[in-house]
Amino acid sequence: MSHHTYKHIELTGSSEQGIEAAVDNALAKAAESLHGMRWFEVTDTRGHIEHGRVAHWQVTIKVGFTLD
């Protein structure tokens, strides 16, 4: 049985397209410098309003990754 130790960080991604795109943007940027990402948890969702409409979404996620 393998044992893993995880570290986690918080990231906030944004997107004009929606919540899933905001998560994808945060993970894609993190993948440029992190390896071993294994899970994420959405901890906060909010949006920016312009002229009475949603201009973009902001999603904060907790990302867990394995340590070497």
PDB file of N, CA and C in Angstrom:
ATOM      1  N   MET A   1       0.846  -1.179   0.000  1.00  0.00           N
ATOM      2  CA  MET A   1       0.000   0.000   0.000  1.00  0.00           C
ATOM      3  C   MET A   1       0.892   1.242   0.000  1.00  0.00           C
ATOM      4  N   SER A   2       0.593   2.172  -0.895  1.00  0.00           N
ATOM      5  CA  SER A   2       1.397   3.382  -0.942  1.00  0.00           C
ATOM      6  C   SER A   2       0.836   4.439   0.003  1.00  0.00           C
ATOM      7  N   HIS A   3       1.735   5.227   0.541  1.00  0.00           N
ATOM      8  CA  HIS A   3       1.351   6.314   1.439  1.00  0.00           C
ATOM      9  C   HIS A   3       1.771   7.619   0.784  1.00  0.00           C
ATOM     10  N   HIS A   4       0.907   8.593   0.856  1.00  0.00           N
ATOM     11  CA  HIS A   4       1.197   9.886   0.263  1.00  0.00           C
ATOM     12  C   HIS A   4       1.096  10.967   1.322  1.00  0.00           C
ATOM     13  N   THR A   5       1.935  11.953   1.188  1.00  0.00           N
ATOM     14  CA  THR A   5       1.827  13.170   1.990  1.00  0.00           C
ATOM     15  C   THR A   5       1.518  14.290   1.021  1.00  0.00           C
ATOM     16  N   TYR A   6       0.510  15.063   1.352  1.00  0.00           N
ATOM     17  CA  TYR A   6       0.065  16.126   0.463  1.00  0.00           C
ATOM     18  C   TYR A   6       0.337  17.495   1.061  1.00  0.00           C
ATOM     19  N   LYS A   7       0.638  18.419   0.219  1.00  0.00           N
ATOM     20  CA  LYS A   7       0.686  19.833   0.563  1.00  0.00           C
ATOM     21  C   LYS A   7      -0.457  20.471  -0.206  1.00  0.00           C
ATOM     22  N   HIS A   8      -1.043  21.522   0.341  1.00  0.00           N
ATOM     23  CA  HIS A   8      -2.086  22.192  -0.428  1.00  0.00           C
ATOM     24  C   HIS A   8      -1.879  23.700  -0.414  1.00  0.00           C
ATOM     25  N   ILE A   9      -2.348  24.315  -1.487  1.00  0.00           N
ATOM     26  CA  ILE A   9      -2.257  25.757  -1.666  1.00  0.00           C
ATOM     27  C   ILE A   9      -3.629  26.265  -2.108  1.00  0.00           C
ATOM     28  N   GLU A  10      -3.840  27.567  -1.973  1.00  0.00           N
ATOM     29  CA  GLU A  10      -5.059  28.184  -2.465  1.00  0.00           C
ATOM     30  C   GLU A  10      -4.743  29.008  -3.709  1.00  0.00           C
ATOM     31  N   LEU A  11      -5.616  28.904  -4.684  1.00  0.00           N
ATOM     32  CA  LEU A  11      -5.496  29.654  -5.928  1.00  0.00           C
ATOM     33  C   LEU A  11      -6.841  30.288  -6.245  1.00  0.00           C
ATOM     34  N   THR A  12      -6.836  31.416  -6.933  1.00  0.00           N
ATOM     35  CA  THR A  12      -8.071  32.005  -7.423  1.00  0.00           C
ATOM     36  C   THR A  12      -7.926  32.215  -8.917  1.00  0.00           C
ATOM     37  N   GLY A  13      -8.825  31.581  -9.673  1.00  0.00           N
ATOM     38  CA  GLY A  13      -8.847  31.742 -11.119  1.00  0.00           C
ATOM     39  C   GLY A  13     -10.046  32.573 -11.518  1.00  0.00           C
ATOM     40  N   SER A  14      -9.974  33.178 -12.686  1.00  0.00           N
ATOM     41  CA  SER A  14     -11.106  33.975 -13.165  1.00  0.00           C
ATOM     42  C   SER A  14     -11.354  33.672 -14.638  1.00  0.00           C
ATOM     43  N   SER A  15     -12.591  33.938 -15.063  1.00  0.00           N
ATOM     44  CA  SER A  15     -12.961  33.726 -16.450  1.00  0.00           C
ATOM     45  C   SER A  15     -14.257  34.466 -16.754  1.00  0.00           C
ATOM     46  N   GLU A  16     -14.367  34.942 -17.976  1.00  0.00           N
ATOM     47  CA  GLU A  16     -15.610  35.537 -18.441  1.00  0.00           C
ATOM     48  C   GLU A  16     -16.601  34.458 -18.859  1.00  0.00           C
ATOM     49  N   GLN A  17     -16.127  33.231 -19.116  1.00  0.00           N
ATOM     50  CA  GLN A  17     -16.971  32.159 -19.622  1.00  0.00           C
ATOM     51  C   GLN A  17     -17.765  31.426 -18.540  1.00  0.00           C
ATOM     52  N   GLY A  18     -17.249  31.343 -17.311  1.00  0.00           N
ATOM     53  CA  GLY A  18     -17.990  30.638 -16.274  1.00  0.00           C
ATOM     54  C   GLY A  18     -17.094  30.059 -15.198  1.00  0.00           C
ATOM     55  N   ILE A  19     -17.739  29.360 -14.278  1.00  0.00           N
ATOM     56  CA  ILE A  19     -17.062  28.820 -13.103  1.00  0.00           C
ATOM     57  C   ILE A  19     -16.040  27.745 -13.486  1.00  0.00           C
ATOM     58  N   GLU A  20     -16.443  26.803 -14.341  1.00  0.00           N
ATOM     59  CA  GLU A  20     -15.519  25.728 -14.720  1.00  0.00           C
ATOM     60  C   GLU A  20     -14.293  26.281 -15.432  1.00  0.00           C
ATOM     61  N   ALA A  21     -14.492  27.263 -16.275  1.00  0.00           N
ATOM     62  CA  ALA A  21     -13.360  27.873 -16.984  1.00  0.00           C
ATOM     63  C   ALA A  21     -12.431  28.580 -16.006  1.00  0.00           C
ATOM     64  N   ALA A  22     -12.991  29.189 -14.966  1.00  0.00           N
ATOM     65  CA  ALA A  22     -12.161  29.848 -13.953  1.00  0.00           C
ATOM     66  C   ALA A  22     -11.293  28.824 -13.227  1.00  0.00           C
ATOM     67  N   VAL A  23     -11.865  27.669 -12.896  1.00  0.00           N
ATOM     68  CA  VAL A  23     -11.093  26.589 -12.259  1.00  0.00           C
ATOM     69  C   VAL A  23     -10.011  26.099 -13.215  1.00  0.00           C
ATOM     70  N   ASP A  24     -10.393  25.860 -14.466  1.00  0.00           N
ATOM     71  CA  ASP A  24      -9.418  25.394 -15.470  1.00  0.00           C
ATOM     72  C   ASP A  24      -8.263  26.373 -15.628  1.00  0.00           C
ATOM     73  N   ASN A  25      -8.570  27.663 -15.636  1.00  0.00           N
ATOM     74  CA  ASN A  25      -7.512  28.682 -15.780  1.00  0.00           C
ATOM     75  C   ASN A  25      -6.549  28.646 -14.602  1.00  0.00           C
ATOM     76  N   ALA A  26      -7.074  28.508 -13.394  1.00  0.00           N
ATOM     77  CA  ALA A  26      -6.212  28.445 -12.204  1.00  0.00           C
ATOM     78  C   ALA A  26      -5.310  27.209 -12.252  1.00  0.00           C
ATOM     79  N   LEU A  27      -5.889  26.054 -12.606  1.00  0.00           N
ATOM     80  CA  LEU A  27      -5.110  24.817 -12.656  1.00  0.00           C
ATOM     81  C   LEU A  27      -4.070  24.847 -13.772  1.00  0.00           C
ATOM     82  N   ALA A  28      -4.423  25.405 -14.919  1.00  0.00           N
ATOM     83  CA  ALA A  28      -3.472  25.476 -16.038  1.00  0.00           C
ATOM     84  C   ALA A  28      -2.273  26.341 -15.672  1.00  0.00           C
ATOM     85  N   LYS A  29      -2.518  27.455 -15.026  1.00  0.00           N
ATOM     86  CA  LYS A  29      -1.409  28.329 -14.626  1.00  0.00           C
ATOM     87  C   LYS A  29      -0.536  27.639 -13.577  1.00  0.00           C
ATOM     88  N   ALA A  30      -1.169  26.981 -12.596  1.00  0.00           N
ATOM     89  CA  ALA A  30      -0.407  26.283 -11.548  1.00  0.00           C
ATOM     90  C   ALA A  30       0.437  25.154 -12.135  1.00  0.00           C
ATOM     91  N   ALA A  31      -0.076  24.490 -13.159  1.00  0.00           N
ATOM     92  CA  ALA A  31       0.641  23.366 -13.772  1.00  0.00           C
ATOM     93  C   ALA A  31       1.943  23.805 -14.442  1.00  0.00           C
ATOM     94  N   GLU A  32       2.092  25.108 -14.708  1.00  0.00           N
ATOM     95  CA  GLU A  32       3.334  25.608 -15.288  1.00  0.00           C
ATOM     96  C   GLU A  32       4.508  25.494 -14.317  1.00  0.00           C
ATOM     97  N   SER A  33       4.216  25.500 -13.007  1.00  0.00           N
ATOM     98  CA  SER A  33       5.317  25.447 -12.037  1.00  0.00           C
ATOM     99  C   SER A  33       5.160  24.352 -10.980  1.00  0.00           C
ATOM    100  N   LEU A  34       4.009  23.731 -10.880  1.00  0.00           N
ATOM    101  CA  LEU A  34       3.793  22.652  -9.908  1.00  0.00           C
ATOM    102  C   LEU A  34       3.646  21.325 -10.631  1.00  0.00           C
ATOM    103  N   HIS A  35       4.093  20.276  -9.987  1.00  0.00           N
ATOM    104  CA  HIS A  35       3.826  18.939 -10.517  1.00  0.00           C
ATOM    105  C   HIS A  35       3.222  18.097  -9.408  1.00  0.00           C
ATOM    106  N   GLY A  36       2.583  17.027  -9.777  1.00  0.00           N
ATOM    107  CA  GLY A  36       2.000  16.126  -8.793  1.00  0.00           C
ATOM    108  C   GLY A  36       0.656  16.596  -8.238  1.00  0.00           C
ATOM    109  N   MET A  37      -0.032  17.508  -8.941  1.00  0.00           N
ATOM    110  CA  MET A  37      -1.353  17.929  -8.457  1.00  0.00           C
ATOM    111  C   MET A  37      -2.305  16.742  -8.523  1.00  0.00           C
ATOM    112  N   ARG A  38      -3.075  16.543  -7.455  1.00  0.00           N
ATOM    113  CA  ARG A  38      -3.929  15.364  -7.363  1.00  0.00           C
ATOM    114  C   ARG A  38      -5.407  15.674  -7.163  1.00  0.00           C
ATOM    115  N   TRP A  39      -5.737  16.772  -6.505  1.00  0.00           N
ATOM    116  CA  TRP A  39      -7.141  17.063  -6.207  1.00  0.00           C
ATOM    117  C   TRP A  39      -7.338  18.557  -6.045  1.00  0.00           C
ATOM    118  N   PHE A  40      -8.597  18.973  -6.140  1.00  0.00           N
ATOM    119  CA  PHE A  40      -8.933  20.354  -5.820  1.00  0.00           C
ATOM    120  C   PHE A  40     -10.300  20.392  -5.145  1.00  0.00           C
ATOM    121  N   GLU A  41     -10.509  21.444  -4.399  1.00  0.00           N
ATOM    122  CA  GLU A  41     -11.766  21.673  -3.695  1.00  0.00           C
ATOM    123  C   GLU A  41     -12.136  23.143  -3.888  1.00  0.00           C
ATOM    124  N   VAL A  42     -13.348  23.402  -4.348  1.00  0.00           N
ATOM    125  CA  VAL A  42     -13.812  24.782  -4.504  1.00  0.00           C
ATOM    126  C   VAL A  42     -14.167  25.315  -3.116  1.00  0.00           C
ATOM    127  N   THR A  43     -13.546  26.421  -2.725  1.00  0.00           N
ATOM    128  CA  THR A  43     -13.795  26.984  -1.398  1.00  0.00           C
ATOM    129  C   THR A  43     -14.575  28.288  -1.444  1.00  0.00           C
ATOM    130  N   ASP A  44     -14.603  28.955  -2.615  1.00  0.00           N
ATOM    131  CA  ASP A  44     -15.325  30.224  -2.713  1.00  0.00           C
ATOM    132  C   ASP A  44     -15.637  30.503  -4.173  1.00  0.00           C
ATOM    133  N   THR A  45     -16.804  31.041  -4.415  1.00  0.00           N
ATOM    134  CA  THR A  45     -17.206  31.438  -5.756  1.00  0.00           C
ATOM    135  C   THR A  45     -17.799  32.836  -5.685  1.00  0.00           C
ATOM    136  N   ARG A  46     -17.350  33.690  -6.558  1.00  0.00           N
ATOM    137  CA  ARG A  46     -17.893  35.043  -6.599  1.00  0.00           C
ATOM    138  C   ARG A  46     -17.768  35.567  -8.026  1.00  0.00           C
ATOM    139  N   GLY A  47     -18.380  36.717  -8.266  1.00  0.00           N
ATOM    140  CA  GLY A  47     -18.331  37.283  -9.601  1.00  0.00           C
ATOM    141  C   GLY A  47     -18.195  38.783  -9.558  1.00  0.00           C
ATOM    142  N   HIS A  48     -17.833  39.322 -10.689  1.00  0.00           N
ATOM    143  CA  HIS A  48     -17.689  40.768 -10.863  1.00  0.00           C
ATOM    144  C   HIS A  48     -18.846  41.233 -11.747  1.00  0.00           C
ATOM    145  N   ILE A  49     -19.508  42.309 -11.341  1.00  0.00           N
ATOM    146  CA  ILE A  49     -20.674  42.810 -12.058  1.00  0.00           C
ATOM    147  C   ILE A  49     -20.341  44.120 -12.756  1.00  0.00           C
ATOM    148  N   GLU A  50     -20.737  44.210 -14.016  1.00  0.00           N
ATOM    149  CA  GLU A  50     -20.627  45.457 -14.776  1.00  0.00           C
ATOM    150  C   GLU A  50     -21.949  45.692 -15.504  1.00  0.00           C
ATOM    151  N   HIS A  51     -22.510  46.865 -15.347  1.00  0.00           N
ATOM    152  CA  HIS A  51     -23.754  47.246 -16.020  1.00  0.00           C
ATOM    153  C   HIS A  51     -24.886  46.257 -15.731  1.00  0.00           C
ATOM    154  N   GLY A  52     -24.937  45.772 -14.492  1.00  0.00           N
ATOM    155  CA  GLY A  52     -26.008  44.867 -14.079  1.00  0.00           C
ATOM    156  C   GLY A  52     -25.892  43.447 -14.582  1.00  0.00           C
ATOM    157  N   ARG A  53     -24.753  43.077 -15.138  1.00  0.00           N
ATOM    158  CA  ARG A  53     -24.538  41.712 -15.647  1.00  0.00           C
ATOM    159  C   ARG A  53     -23.219  41.154 -15.121  1.00  0.00           C
ATOM    160  N   VAL A  54     -23.123  39.845 -15.131  1.00  0.00           N
ATOM    161  CA  VAL A  54     -21.883  39.192 -14.718  1.00  0.00           C
ATOM    162  C   VAL A  54     -20.812  39.475 -15.766  1.00  0.00           C
ATOM    163  N   ALA A  55     -19.726  40.103 -15.338  1.00  0.00           N
ATOM    164  CA  ALA A  55     -18.610  40.393 -16.242  1.00  0.00           C
ATOM    165  C   ALA A  55     -17.609  39.241 -16.247  1.00  0.00           C
ATOM    166  N   HIS A  56     -17.313  38.698 -15.077  1.00  0.00           N
ATOM    167  CA  HIS A  56     -16.475  37.506 -14.999  1.00  0.00           C
ATOM    168  C   HIS A  56     -16.647  36.833 -13.646  1.00  0.00           C
ATOM    169  N   TRP A  57     -16.292  35.572 -13.614  1.00  0.00           N
ATOM    170  CA  TRP A  57     -16.371  34.743 -12.411  1.00  0.00           C
ATOM    171  C   TRP A  57     -14.999  34.642 -11.777  1.00  0.00           C
ATOM    172  N   GLN A  58     -14.971  34.534 -10.451  1.00  0.00           N
ATOM    173  CA  GLN A  58     -13.746  34.266  -9.699  1.00  0.00           C
ATOM    174  C   GLN A  58     -14.018  33.057  -8.804  1.00  0.00           C
ATOM    175  N   VAL A  59     -13.152  32.071  -8.884  1.00  0.00           N
ATOM    176  CA  VAL A  59     -13.318  30.849  -8.102  1.00  0.00           C
ATOM    177  C   VAL A  59     -12.025  30.577  -7.346  1.00  0.00           C
ATOM    178  N   THR A  60     -12.135  30.443  -6.032  1.00  0.00           N
ATOM    179  CA  THR A  60     -10.982  30.087  -5.205  1.00  0.00           C
ATOM    180  C   THR A  60     -11.030  28.583  -4.959  1.00  0.00           C
ATOM    181  N   ILE A  61      -9.893  27.944  -5.193  1.00  0.00           N
ATOM    182  CA  ILE A  61      -9.789  26.499  -4.999  1.00  0.00           C
ATOM    183  C   ILE A  61      -8.609  26.184  -4.096  1.00  0.00           C
ATOM    184  N   LYS A  62      -8.733  25.097  -3.387  1.00  0.00           N
ATOM    185  CA  LYS A  62      -7.626  24.522  -2.625  1.00  0.00           C
ATOM    186  C   LYS A  62      -7.114  23.357  -3.484  1.00  0.00           C
ATOM    187  N   VAL A  63      -5.828  23.345  -3.790  1.00  0.00           N
ATOM    188  CA  VAL A  63      -5.230  22.308  -4.644  1.00  0.00           C
ATOM    189  C   VAL A  63      -4.250  21.498  -3.818  1.00  0.00           C
ATOM    190  N   GLY A  64      -4.404  20.187  -3.866  1.00  0.00           N
ATOM    191  CA  GLY A  64      -3.486  19.288  -3.165  1.00  0.00           C
ATOM    192  C   GLY A  64      -2.528  18.627  -4.149  1.00  0.00           C
ATOM    193  N   PHE A  65      -1.272  18.540  -3.741  1.00  0.00           N
ATOM    194  CA  PHE A  65      -0.289  17.860  -4.583  1.00  0.00           C
ATOM    195  C   PHE A  65       0.622  17.026  -3.710  1.00  0.00           C
ATOM    196  N   THR A  66       1.163  15.965  -4.292  1.00  0.00           N
ATOM    197  CA  THR A  66       2.036  15.068  -3.552  1.00  0.00           C
ATOM    198  C   THR A  66       3.427  15.661  -3.455  1.00  0.00           C
ATOM    199  N   LEU A  67       4.067  15.390  -2.356  1.00  0.00           N
ATOM    200  CA  LEU A  67       5.454  15.824  -2.144  1.00  0.00           C
ATOM    201  C   LEU A  67       6.397  14.757  -2.649  1.00  0.00           C
ATOM    202  N   ASP A  68       7.537  15.175  -3.172  1.00  0.00           N
ATOM    203  CA  ASP A  68       8.543  14.212  -3.646  1.00  0.00           C
ATOM    204  C   ASP A  68       9.160  13.476  -2.477  1.00  0.00           C
TER     205      ASP A  68
END
